[in-house]
C-alpha cells in the first residue's frame, strides 16, 4: 500500500515538473519571438506571402480588435484568475493516461497566458507581430496562438472526446 502511494506521488511530482518545464519553454519561445519582432520590425513590416500574411509589429494596449484599450490592470487581474483556475484544474485532473490531452491543454493555455502577462506587467502592452492581411485579422503573437488553439482543442475534447462521466472527479465528495 505504501509503495503504491509513493509511486502515485512520484508520478504527480513528475507531471508538475514536466508542466513547469513545458510552460517555461513555451513562454521562452513566445518572448524570444516578441523580442525579435520588436527589434526587426519596429519600422515597418515583412511580407511573407504578399497580400496574405506578413510580419508587422504592433504594441497592443488592449485586447483583440482593439477593445479595452489601456486596461492593463484589468487584464492582469483576469489573467491571474485564469491562471489560478488552470492550475486548480490541472491539480485535480486524475493521473490517468486518458486525461493527458487535458493536462496538455492546461499547460499550453497557461503558457499563452503567462507570455502575454509578462508583456503587460513589464511593458504595459503586448507585442503582436503576426498579421493575416487577406482577412484583415487582428495582429497577434505566439502566446495568442497557444491560447486560441488550446481553447479550440478544449472545446472539441469536451464536446466530442470526453463524456460527463469523465468529469465525475469534479463533483464534491460527500
N, C-alpha and C. Protein backbone atom coordinates (compact mmCIF):
# COMPACT_ATOMS: atom_id res chain seq x y z
N UNK A 1 0.83 -1.20 0.00
CA UNK A 1 0.00 0.00 0.00
C UNK A 1 0.87 1.26 0.00
N UNK A 2 1.90 1.26 0.87
CA UNK A 2 2.79 2.41 0.96
C UNK A 2 3.54 2.61 -0.35
N UNK A 3 3.93 1.52 -1.00
CA UNK A 3 4.65 1.59 -2.27
C UNK A 3 3.78 2.20 -3.37
N UNK A 4 2.50 1.86 -3.42
CA UNK A 4 1.58 2.41 -4.42
C UNK A 4 1.41 3.91 -4.22
N UNK A 5 1.33 4.33 -2.96
CA UNK A 5 1.21 5.77 -2.66
C UNK A 5 2.45 6.51 -3.11
N UNK A 6 3.62 5.95 -2.87
CA UNK A 6 4.88 6.56 -3.27
C UNK A 6 4.96 6.69 -4.79
N UNK A 7 4.55 5.66 -5.51
CA UNK A 7 4.56 5.69 -6.98
C UNK A 7 3.61 6.77 -7.48
N UNK A 8 2.42 6.84 -6.86
CA UNK A 8 1.44 7.85 -7.26
C UNK A 8 1.98 9.26 -7.02
N UNK A 9 2.62 9.47 -5.87
CA UNK A 9 3.18 10.78 -5.55
C UNK A 9 4.33 11.13 -6.50
N UNK A 10 5.15 10.15 -6.83
CA UNK A 10 6.25 10.38 -7.77
C UNK A 10 5.69 10.78 -9.13
N UNK A 11 4.64 10.10 -9.57
CA UNK A 11 4.00 10.44 -10.84
C UNK A 11 3.44 11.85 -10.83
N UNK A 12 2.83 12.23 -9.72
CA UNK A 12 2.25 13.57 -9.59
C UNK A 12 3.36 14.62 -9.64
N UNK A 13 4.44 14.39 -8.92
CA UNK A 13 5.56 15.33 -8.91
C UNK A 13 6.17 15.46 -10.30
N UNK A 14 6.36 14.33 -10.98
CA UNK A 14 6.96 14.39 -12.32
C UNK A 14 6.03 15.12 -13.29
N UNK A 15 4.71 14.96 -13.14
CA UNK A 15 3.77 15.71 -14.00
C UNK A 15 3.92 17.21 -13.79
N UNK A 16 4.09 17.64 -12.54
CA UNK A 16 4.27 19.06 -12.25
C UNK A 16 5.61 19.58 -12.79
N UNK A 17 6.64 18.78 -12.69
CA UNK A 17 7.95 19.18 -13.22
C UNK A 17 7.88 19.30 -14.74
N UNK A 18 7.28 18.33 -15.39
CA UNK A 18 7.12 18.39 -16.85
C UNK A 18 6.28 19.60 -17.24
N UNK A 19 5.23 19.87 -16.49
CA UNK A 19 4.38 21.04 -16.77
C UNK A 19 5.19 22.33 -16.65
N UNK A 20 5.95 22.46 -15.58
CA UNK A 20 6.74 23.68 -15.37
C UNK A 20 7.78 23.88 -16.46
N UNK A 21 8.47 22.80 -16.82
CA UNK A 21 9.48 22.91 -17.89
C UNK A 21 8.81 23.24 -19.22
N UNK A 22 7.69 22.60 -19.50
CA UNK A 22 6.97 22.85 -20.76
C UNK A 22 6.51 24.30 -20.84
N UNK A 23 5.94 24.80 -19.76
CA UNK A 23 5.49 26.20 -19.74
C UNK A 23 6.68 27.13 -19.94
N UNK A 24 7.79 26.85 -19.27
CA UNK A 24 8.98 27.69 -19.41
C UNK A 24 9.47 27.72 -20.86
N UNK A 25 9.51 26.57 -21.51
CA UNK A 25 9.97 26.50 -22.90
C UNK A 25 9.02 27.26 -23.82
N UNK A 26 7.71 27.05 -23.64
CA UNK A 26 6.73 27.74 -24.49
C UNK A 26 6.76 29.25 -24.27
N UNK A 27 6.87 29.67 -23.02
CA UNK A 27 6.95 31.11 -22.73
C UNK A 27 8.23 31.69 -23.31
N UNK A 28 9.32 30.98 -23.21
CA UNK A 28 10.58 31.46 -23.79
C UNK A 28 10.44 31.64 -25.30
N UNK A 29 9.82 30.68 -25.97
CA UNK A 29 9.61 30.81 -27.43
C UNK A 29 8.78 32.05 -27.74
N UNK A 30 7.74 32.27 -26.96
CA UNK A 30 6.90 33.46 -27.15
C UNK A 30 7.70 34.74 -26.93
N UNK A 31 8.43 34.81 -25.85
CA UNK A 31 9.18 36.03 -25.52
C UNK A 31 10.31 36.29 -26.51
N UNK A 32 10.96 35.24 -26.97
CA UNK A 32 12.04 35.41 -27.96
C UNK A 32 11.47 35.93 -29.28
N UNK A 33 10.36 35.37 -29.73
CA UNK A 33 9.78 35.86 -30.99
C UNK A 33 9.29 37.29 -30.86
N UNK A 34 8.76 37.65 -29.70
CA UNK A 34 8.32 39.03 -29.49
C UNK A 34 9.50 39.99 -29.48
N UNK A 35 10.59 39.60 -28.83
CA UNK A 35 11.78 40.45 -28.79
C UNK A 35 12.36 40.63 -30.19
N UNK A 36 12.41 39.54 -30.96
CA UNK A 36 12.91 39.64 -32.33
C UNK A 36 12.02 40.54 -33.18
N UNK A 37 10.72 40.42 -33.00
CA UNK A 37 9.78 41.26 -33.76
C UNK A 37 9.97 42.73 -33.40
N UNK A 38 10.11 43.02 -32.11
CA UNK A 38 10.30 44.40 -31.68
C UNK A 38 11.58 44.98 -32.26
N UNK A 39 12.62 44.16 -32.32
CA UNK A 39 13.91 44.62 -32.84
C UNK A 39 13.91 44.78 -34.36
N UNK A 40 13.36 43.83 -35.05
CA UNK A 40 13.48 43.78 -36.52
C UNK A 40 12.34 44.47 -37.27
N UNK A 41 11.19 44.63 -36.62
CA UNK A 41 10.02 45.12 -37.35
C UNK A 41 9.53 46.49 -36.90
N UNK A 42 10.22 47.13 -35.99
CA UNK A 42 9.69 48.36 -35.40
C UNK A 42 9.54 49.51 -36.40
N UNK A 43 10.08 49.39 -37.56
CA UNK A 43 9.93 50.47 -38.54
C UNK A 43 9.12 50.10 -39.75
N UNK A 44 8.56 48.91 -39.77
CA UNK A 44 7.82 48.50 -40.95
C UNK A 44 7.32 47.09 -40.84
N UNK A 45 7.27 46.42 -41.97
CA UNK A 45 6.79 45.05 -41.97
C UNK A 45 7.52 44.23 -43.02
N UNK A 46 7.36 42.90 -42.93
CA UNK A 46 7.95 41.98 -43.90
C UNK A 46 6.83 41.14 -44.48
N UNK A 47 6.65 41.24 -45.79
CA UNK A 47 5.65 40.40 -46.46
C UNK A 47 6.21 39.00 -46.62
N UNK A 48 5.56 38.03 -46.01
CA UNK A 48 5.96 36.64 -46.19
C UNK A 48 5.21 36.02 -47.37
N UNK A 49 3.93 36.31 -47.44
CA UNK A 49 3.11 35.92 -48.58
C UNK A 49 2.34 37.19 -48.98
N UNK A 50 2.81 37.91 -49.97
CA UNK A 50 2.22 39.21 -50.32
C UNK A 50 0.69 39.12 -50.47
N UNK A 51 0.03 40.05 -49.81
CA UNK A 51 -1.42 40.12 -49.87
C UNK A 51 -2.12 39.10 -48.97
N UNK A 52 -1.34 38.23 -48.30
CA UNK A 52 -1.95 37.19 -47.47
C UNK A 52 -1.46 37.27 -46.03
N UNK A 53 -0.14 37.22 -45.83
CA UNK A 53 0.41 37.13 -44.49
C UNK A 53 1.72 37.92 -44.40
N UNK A 54 1.83 38.70 -43.32
CA UNK A 54 3.08 39.44 -43.11
C UNK A 54 3.38 39.57 -41.63
N UNK A 55 4.63 39.92 -41.36
CA UNK A 55 5.08 40.22 -40.01
C UNK A 55 5.03 41.73 -39.86
N UNK A 56 4.26 42.20 -38.90
CA UNK A 56 4.09 43.64 -38.68
C UNK A 56 3.99 43.89 -37.19
N UNK A 57 4.90 44.68 -36.66
CA UNK A 57 4.98 44.91 -35.22
C UNK A 57 3.90 45.88 -34.75
N UNK A 58 3.27 45.53 -33.61
CA UNK A 58 2.25 46.38 -33.01
C UNK A 58 2.34 46.28 -31.50
N UNK A 59 2.30 47.40 -30.82
CA UNK A 59 2.24 47.42 -29.36
C UNK A 59 0.78 47.54 -28.97
N UNK A 60 0.20 46.42 -28.57
CA UNK A 60 -1.24 46.32 -28.31
C UNK A 60 -1.53 46.63 -26.84
N UNK A 61 -2.22 47.72 -26.59
CA UNK A 61 -2.56 48.12 -25.23
C UNK A 61 -3.98 47.69 -24.85
N UNK A 62 -4.58 46.87 -25.67
CA UNK A 62 -5.93 46.38 -25.40
C UNK A 62 -6.01 44.89 -25.67
N UNK A 63 -7.18 44.45 -26.09
CA UNK A 63 -7.39 43.04 -26.45
C UNK A 63 -7.60 42.98 -27.96
N UNK A 64 -7.97 41.82 -28.44
CA UNK A 64 -8.21 41.66 -29.88
C UNK A 64 -9.25 42.67 -30.35
N UNK A 65 -9.09 43.10 -31.57
CA UNK A 65 -9.99 44.07 -32.21
C UNK A 65 -9.94 45.43 -31.51
N UNK A 66 -8.91 45.68 -30.70
CA UNK A 66 -8.72 46.99 -30.09
C UNK A 66 -9.64 47.30 -28.92
N UNK A 67 -10.33 46.31 -28.37
CA UNK A 67 -11.22 46.59 -27.25
C UNK A 67 -10.42 46.70 -25.96
N UNK A 68 -11.00 47.42 -24.99
CA UNK A 68 -10.40 47.61 -23.66
C UNK A 68 -9.00 48.22 -23.72
N UNK A 69 -8.84 49.27 -24.49
CA UNK A 69 -7.54 49.93 -24.58
C UNK A 69 -7.11 50.46 -23.22
N UNK A 70 -5.81 50.30 -22.92
CA UNK A 70 -5.17 50.81 -21.70
C UNK A 70 -5.80 50.26 -20.41
N UNK A 71 -6.31 49.06 -20.45
CA UNK A 71 -6.90 48.43 -19.26
C UNK A 71 -5.94 47.37 -18.72
N UNK A 72 -4.68 47.74 -18.59
CA UNK A 72 -3.63 46.80 -18.18
C UNK A 72 -3.96 46.13 -16.85
N UNK A 73 -4.38 46.90 -15.86
CA UNK A 73 -4.70 46.34 -14.55
C UNK A 73 -5.81 45.29 -14.65
N UNK A 74 -6.82 45.59 -15.42
CA UNK A 74 -7.93 44.65 -15.63
C UNK A 74 -7.41 43.35 -16.24
N UNK A 75 -6.58 43.46 -17.28
CA UNK A 75 -6.05 42.27 -17.95
C UNK A 75 -5.15 41.45 -17.01
N UNK A 76 -4.39 42.12 -16.17
CA UNK A 76 -3.52 41.41 -15.23
C UNK A 76 -4.37 40.62 -14.23
N UNK A 77 -5.40 41.24 -13.67
CA UNK A 77 -6.27 40.56 -12.71
C UNK A 77 -6.97 39.37 -13.36
N UNK A 78 -7.53 39.57 -14.54
CA UNK A 78 -8.24 38.49 -15.24
C UNK A 78 -7.28 37.34 -15.55
N UNK A 79 -6.07 37.68 -15.98
CA UNK A 79 -5.09 36.65 -16.32
C UNK A 79 -4.67 35.86 -15.09
N UNK A 80 -4.46 36.52 -13.97
CA UNK A 80 -4.08 35.83 -12.74
C UNK A 80 -5.21 34.89 -12.30
N UNK A 81 -6.46 35.34 -12.39
CA UNK A 81 -7.59 34.48 -12.05
C UNK A 81 -7.68 33.29 -12.99
N UNK A 82 -7.47 33.55 -14.27
CA UNK A 82 -7.49 32.49 -15.28
C UNK A 82 -6.38 31.46 -14.99
N UNK A 83 -5.19 31.94 -14.68
CA UNK A 83 -4.08 31.03 -14.35
C UNK A 83 -4.37 30.21 -13.10
N UNK A 84 -4.97 30.84 -12.10
CA UNK A 84 -5.33 30.11 -10.88
C UNK A 84 -6.32 29.00 -11.21
N UNK A 85 -7.29 29.28 -12.06
CA UNK A 85 -8.26 28.26 -12.47
C UNK A 85 -7.57 27.13 -13.25
N UNK A 86 -6.65 27.47 -14.13
CA UNK A 86 -5.93 26.46 -14.91
C UNK A 86 -5.08 25.58 -14.01
N UNK A 87 -4.41 26.17 -13.04
CA UNK A 87 -3.58 25.40 -12.10
C UNK A 87 -4.46 24.49 -11.25
N UNK A 88 -5.58 25.01 -10.78
CA UNK A 88 -6.50 24.19 -9.99
C UNK A 88 -6.99 23.00 -10.82
N UNK A 89 -7.42 23.26 -12.06
CA UNK A 89 -7.94 22.19 -12.91
C UNK A 89 -6.85 21.15 -13.18
N UNK A 90 -5.63 21.62 -13.45
CA UNK A 90 -4.51 20.70 -13.66
C UNK A 90 -4.29 19.84 -12.41
N UNK A 91 -4.38 20.48 -11.25
CA UNK A 91 -4.13 19.77 -9.99
C UNK A 91 -5.18 18.70 -9.70
N UNK A 92 -6.43 18.95 -10.07
CA UNK A 92 -7.47 17.98 -9.75
C UNK A 92 -7.66 16.92 -10.83
N UNK A 93 -7.03 17.12 -11.99
CA UNK A 93 -7.14 16.11 -13.04
C UNK A 93 -6.53 14.79 -12.56
N UNK A 94 -7.24 13.71 -12.77
CA UNK A 94 -6.67 12.41 -12.40
C UNK A 94 -5.41 12.12 -13.21
N UNK A 95 -4.56 11.26 -12.67
CA UNK A 95 -3.30 10.92 -13.32
C UNK A 95 -3.45 9.94 -14.48
N UNK A 96 -4.67 9.47 -14.72
CA UNK A 96 -4.91 8.50 -15.79
C UNK A 96 -4.43 9.04 -17.14
N UNK A 97 -3.98 8.12 -17.96
CA UNK A 97 -3.48 8.47 -19.29
C UNK A 97 -4.53 9.19 -20.14
N UNK A 98 -5.80 8.85 -19.97
CA UNK A 98 -6.84 9.44 -20.81
C UNK A 98 -7.00 10.95 -20.57
N UNK A 99 -6.46 11.45 -19.46
CA UNK A 99 -6.55 12.88 -19.17
C UNK A 99 -5.32 13.66 -19.65
N UNK A 100 -4.37 12.97 -20.25
CA UNK A 100 -3.16 13.63 -20.74
C UNK A 100 -3.47 14.78 -21.72
N UNK A 101 -4.41 14.61 -22.65
CA UNK A 101 -4.72 15.74 -23.54
C UNK A 101 -5.23 16.97 -22.77
N UNK A 102 -6.02 16.76 -21.74
CA UNK A 102 -6.49 17.90 -20.94
C UNK A 102 -5.35 18.54 -20.18
N UNK A 103 -4.43 17.73 -19.68
CA UNK A 103 -3.26 18.30 -19.00
C UNK A 103 -2.43 19.13 -19.98
N UNK A 104 -2.28 18.62 -21.19
CA UNK A 104 -1.52 19.35 -22.22
C UNK A 104 -2.19 20.68 -22.54
N UNK A 105 -3.50 20.67 -22.67
CA UNK A 105 -4.23 21.91 -22.93
C UNK A 105 -4.01 22.91 -21.80
N UNK A 106 -4.07 22.45 -20.57
CA UNK A 106 -3.83 23.34 -19.42
C UNK A 106 -2.45 23.98 -19.51
N UNK A 107 -1.46 23.18 -19.85
CA UNK A 107 -0.08 23.66 -19.94
C UNK A 107 0.05 24.72 -21.03
N UNK A 108 -0.48 24.44 -22.20
CA UNK A 108 -0.33 25.37 -23.32
C UNK A 108 -1.16 26.64 -23.09
N UNK A 109 -2.35 26.50 -22.53
CA UNK A 109 -3.15 27.68 -22.18
C UNK A 109 -2.41 28.55 -21.16
N UNK A 110 -1.86 27.91 -20.14
CA UNK A 110 -1.13 28.66 -19.11
C UNK A 110 0.08 29.37 -19.71
N UNK A 111 0.79 28.70 -20.61
CA UNK A 111 1.95 29.33 -21.25
C UNK A 111 1.54 30.57 -22.04
N UNK A 112 0.45 30.49 -22.76
CA UNK A 112 -0.03 31.65 -23.51
C UNK A 112 -0.42 32.79 -22.59
N UNK A 113 -1.10 32.47 -21.50
CA UNK A 113 -1.50 33.50 -20.55
C UNK A 113 -0.27 34.15 -19.91
N UNK A 114 0.70 33.34 -19.52
CA UNK A 114 1.92 33.87 -18.89
C UNK A 114 2.71 34.72 -19.88
N UNK A 115 2.80 34.28 -21.13
CA UNK A 115 3.54 35.03 -22.14
C UNK A 115 3.02 36.45 -22.30
N UNK A 116 1.70 36.59 -22.39
CA UNK A 116 1.13 37.93 -22.52
C UNK A 116 1.12 38.69 -21.20
N UNK A 117 1.02 37.95 -20.08
CA UNK A 117 1.07 38.60 -18.76
C UNK A 117 2.43 39.26 -18.53
N UNK A 118 3.48 38.60 -18.94
CA UNK A 118 4.83 39.18 -18.80
C UNK A 118 4.90 40.52 -19.52
N UNK A 119 4.40 40.56 -20.75
CA UNK A 119 4.39 41.82 -21.50
C UNK A 119 3.58 42.89 -20.78
N UNK A 120 2.40 42.52 -20.31
CA UNK A 120 1.54 43.51 -19.67
C UNK A 120 2.15 44.06 -18.38
N UNK A 121 2.80 43.20 -17.61
CA UNK A 121 3.40 43.64 -16.35
C UNK A 121 4.62 44.53 -16.60
N UNK A 122 5.51 44.10 -17.49
CA UNK A 122 6.77 44.82 -17.67
C UNK A 122 6.74 45.91 -18.73
N UNK A 123 5.86 45.80 -19.70
CA UNK A 123 5.82 46.79 -20.79
C UNK A 123 4.53 47.61 -20.81
N UNK A 124 3.49 47.11 -20.16
CA UNK A 124 2.16 47.72 -20.16
C UNK A 124 1.46 47.63 -21.52
N UNK A 125 1.94 46.75 -22.36
CA UNK A 125 1.31 46.42 -23.63
C UNK A 125 1.81 45.04 -24.05
N UNK A 126 1.11 44.46 -25.02
CA UNK A 126 1.51 43.16 -25.55
C UNK A 126 2.08 43.37 -26.94
N UNK A 127 3.20 42.71 -27.21
CA UNK A 127 3.85 42.81 -28.52
C UNK A 127 3.23 41.80 -29.48
N UNK A 128 2.60 42.30 -30.52
CA UNK A 128 1.99 41.47 -31.55
C UNK A 128 2.75 41.68 -32.86
N UNK A 129 2.73 40.65 -33.73
CA UNK A 129 3.51 40.80 -34.96
C UNK A 129 3.08 39.89 -36.11
N UNK A 130 2.09 39.05 -35.93
CA UNK A 130 1.63 38.15 -36.98
C UNK A 130 0.32 38.69 -37.54
N UNK A 131 0.27 38.89 -38.84
CA UNK A 131 -0.90 39.57 -39.43
C UNK A 131 -1.35 38.89 -40.72
N UNK A 132 -2.59 38.41 -40.73
CA UNK A 132 -3.21 37.88 -41.94
C UNK A 132 -3.88 39.03 -42.66
N UNK A 133 -3.19 39.57 -43.64
CA UNK A 133 -3.67 40.71 -44.41
C UNK A 133 -4.93 40.34 -45.18
N UNK A 134 -4.96 39.15 -45.76
CA UNK A 134 -6.04 38.71 -46.62
C UNK A 134 -7.41 38.85 -45.94
N UNK A 135 -7.49 38.50 -44.68
CA UNK A 135 -8.77 38.58 -43.98
C UNK A 135 -8.81 39.72 -42.96
N UNK A 136 -7.77 40.54 -42.96
CA UNK A 136 -7.66 41.67 -42.04
C UNK A 136 -7.92 41.25 -40.59
N UNK A 137 -7.32 40.11 -40.23
CA UNK A 137 -7.45 39.59 -38.86
C UNK A 137 -6.58 40.43 -37.95
N UNK A 138 -6.99 40.65 -36.68
CA UNK A 138 -6.15 41.43 -35.77
C UNK A 138 -4.74 40.83 -35.67
N UNK A 139 -3.76 41.70 -35.54
CA UNK A 139 -2.37 41.27 -35.39
C UNK A 139 -2.24 40.52 -34.07
N UNK A 140 -1.52 39.41 -34.07
CA UNK A 140 -1.42 38.57 -32.89
C UNK A 140 0.00 38.08 -32.69
N UNK A 141 0.21 37.23 -31.68
CA UNK A 141 1.55 36.73 -31.36
C UNK A 141 1.50 35.24 -31.04
N UNK A 142 2.63 34.68 -30.68
CA UNK A 142 2.73 33.24 -30.40
C UNK A 142 1.89 32.86 -29.18
N UNK A 143 1.88 33.67 -28.13
CA UNK A 143 1.07 33.37 -26.95
C UNK A 143 -0.41 33.31 -27.32
N UNK A 144 -0.84 34.19 -28.20
CA UNK A 144 -2.23 34.17 -28.65
C UNK A 144 -2.56 32.86 -29.38
N UNK A 145 -1.59 32.35 -30.13
CA UNK A 145 -1.77 31.07 -30.82
C UNK A 145 -1.95 29.95 -29.78
N UNK A 146 -1.12 29.97 -28.74
CA UNK A 146 -1.25 28.97 -27.68
C UNK A 146 -2.66 28.98 -27.09
N UNK A 147 -3.13 30.17 -26.73
CA UNK A 147 -4.43 30.30 -26.09
C UNK A 147 -5.55 29.87 -27.03
N UNK A 148 -5.50 30.35 -28.25
CA UNK A 148 -6.57 30.06 -29.21
C UNK A 148 -6.65 28.57 -29.55
N UNK A 149 -5.52 27.98 -29.90
CA UNK A 149 -5.53 26.56 -30.27
C UNK A 149 -5.91 25.67 -29.08
N UNK A 150 -5.46 26.04 -27.89
CA UNK A 150 -5.80 25.26 -26.70
C UNK A 150 -7.28 25.38 -26.38
N UNK A 151 -7.83 26.57 -26.52
CA UNK A 151 -9.26 26.75 -26.25
C UNK A 151 -10.10 25.95 -27.25
N UNK A 152 -9.71 25.97 -28.52
CA UNK A 152 -10.42 25.18 -29.52
C UNK A 152 -10.30 23.69 -29.21
N UNK A 153 -9.10 23.24 -28.87
CA UNK A 153 -8.89 21.83 -28.52
C UNK A 153 -9.74 21.45 -27.30
N UNK A 154 -9.80 22.32 -26.32
CA UNK A 154 -10.59 22.05 -25.12
C UNK A 154 -12.07 21.90 -25.46
N UNK A 155 -12.58 22.79 -26.27
CA UNK A 155 -13.99 22.72 -26.68
C UNK A 155 -14.27 21.42 -27.42
N UNK A 156 -13.39 21.06 -28.36
CA UNK A 156 -13.57 19.82 -29.11
C UNK A 156 -13.54 18.61 -28.18
N UNK A 157 -12.59 18.61 -27.24
CA UNK A 157 -12.49 17.48 -26.32
C UNK A 157 -13.73 17.36 -25.43
N UNK A 158 -14.22 18.49 -24.95
CA UNK A 158 -15.40 18.46 -24.08
C UNK A 158 -16.63 18.01 -24.86
N UNK A 159 -16.76 18.46 -26.10
CA UNK A 159 -17.93 18.10 -26.90
C UNK A 159 -17.88 16.70 -27.49
N UNK A 160 -16.69 16.24 -27.90
CA UNK A 160 -16.62 15.02 -28.68
C UNK A 160 -15.76 13.89 -28.11
N UNK A 161 -14.90 14.17 -27.16
CA UNK A 161 -13.97 13.14 -26.68
C UNK A 161 -14.37 12.61 -25.31
N UNK A 162 -14.62 13.52 -24.39
CA UNK A 162 -14.93 13.13 -23.01
C UNK A 162 -16.43 13.14 -22.78
N UNK A 163 -16.87 12.24 -21.89
CA UNK A 163 -18.28 12.20 -21.52
C UNK A 163 -18.44 12.86 -20.15
N UNK A 164 -19.68 13.04 -19.74
CA UNK A 164 -19.93 13.62 -18.42
C UNK A 164 -19.29 12.77 -17.32
N UNK A 165 -19.30 11.47 -17.51
CA UNK A 165 -18.72 10.57 -16.50
C UNK A 165 -17.21 10.81 -16.33
N UNK A 166 -16.54 11.24 -17.41
CA UNK A 166 -15.11 11.50 -17.33
C UNK A 166 -14.79 12.70 -16.43
N UNK A 167 -15.81 13.52 -16.14
CA UNK A 167 -15.60 14.69 -15.28
C UNK A 167 -16.22 14.51 -13.90
N UNK A 168 -16.54 13.27 -13.56
CA UNK A 168 -17.12 12.99 -12.25
C UNK A 168 -16.19 13.41 -11.11
N UNK A 169 -14.89 13.42 -11.38
CA UNK A 169 -13.91 13.80 -10.35
C UNK A 169 -14.10 15.25 -9.88
N UNK A 170 -14.82 16.05 -10.65
CA UNK A 170 -15.05 17.45 -10.28
C UNK A 170 -16.17 17.61 -9.26
N UNK A 171 -17.00 16.60 -9.14
CA UNK A 171 -18.13 16.67 -8.20
C UNK A 171 -17.62 16.49 -6.79
N UNK A 172 -18.20 17.25 -5.87
CA UNK A 172 -17.79 17.16 -4.47
C UNK A 172 -18.12 15.80 -3.91
N UNK A 173 -17.17 15.28 -3.15
CA UNK A 173 -17.41 14.01 -2.46
C UNK A 173 -18.14 14.28 -1.15
N UNK A 174 -19.13 13.43 -0.89
CA UNK A 174 -19.93 13.64 0.33
C UNK A 174 -19.43 12.78 1.45
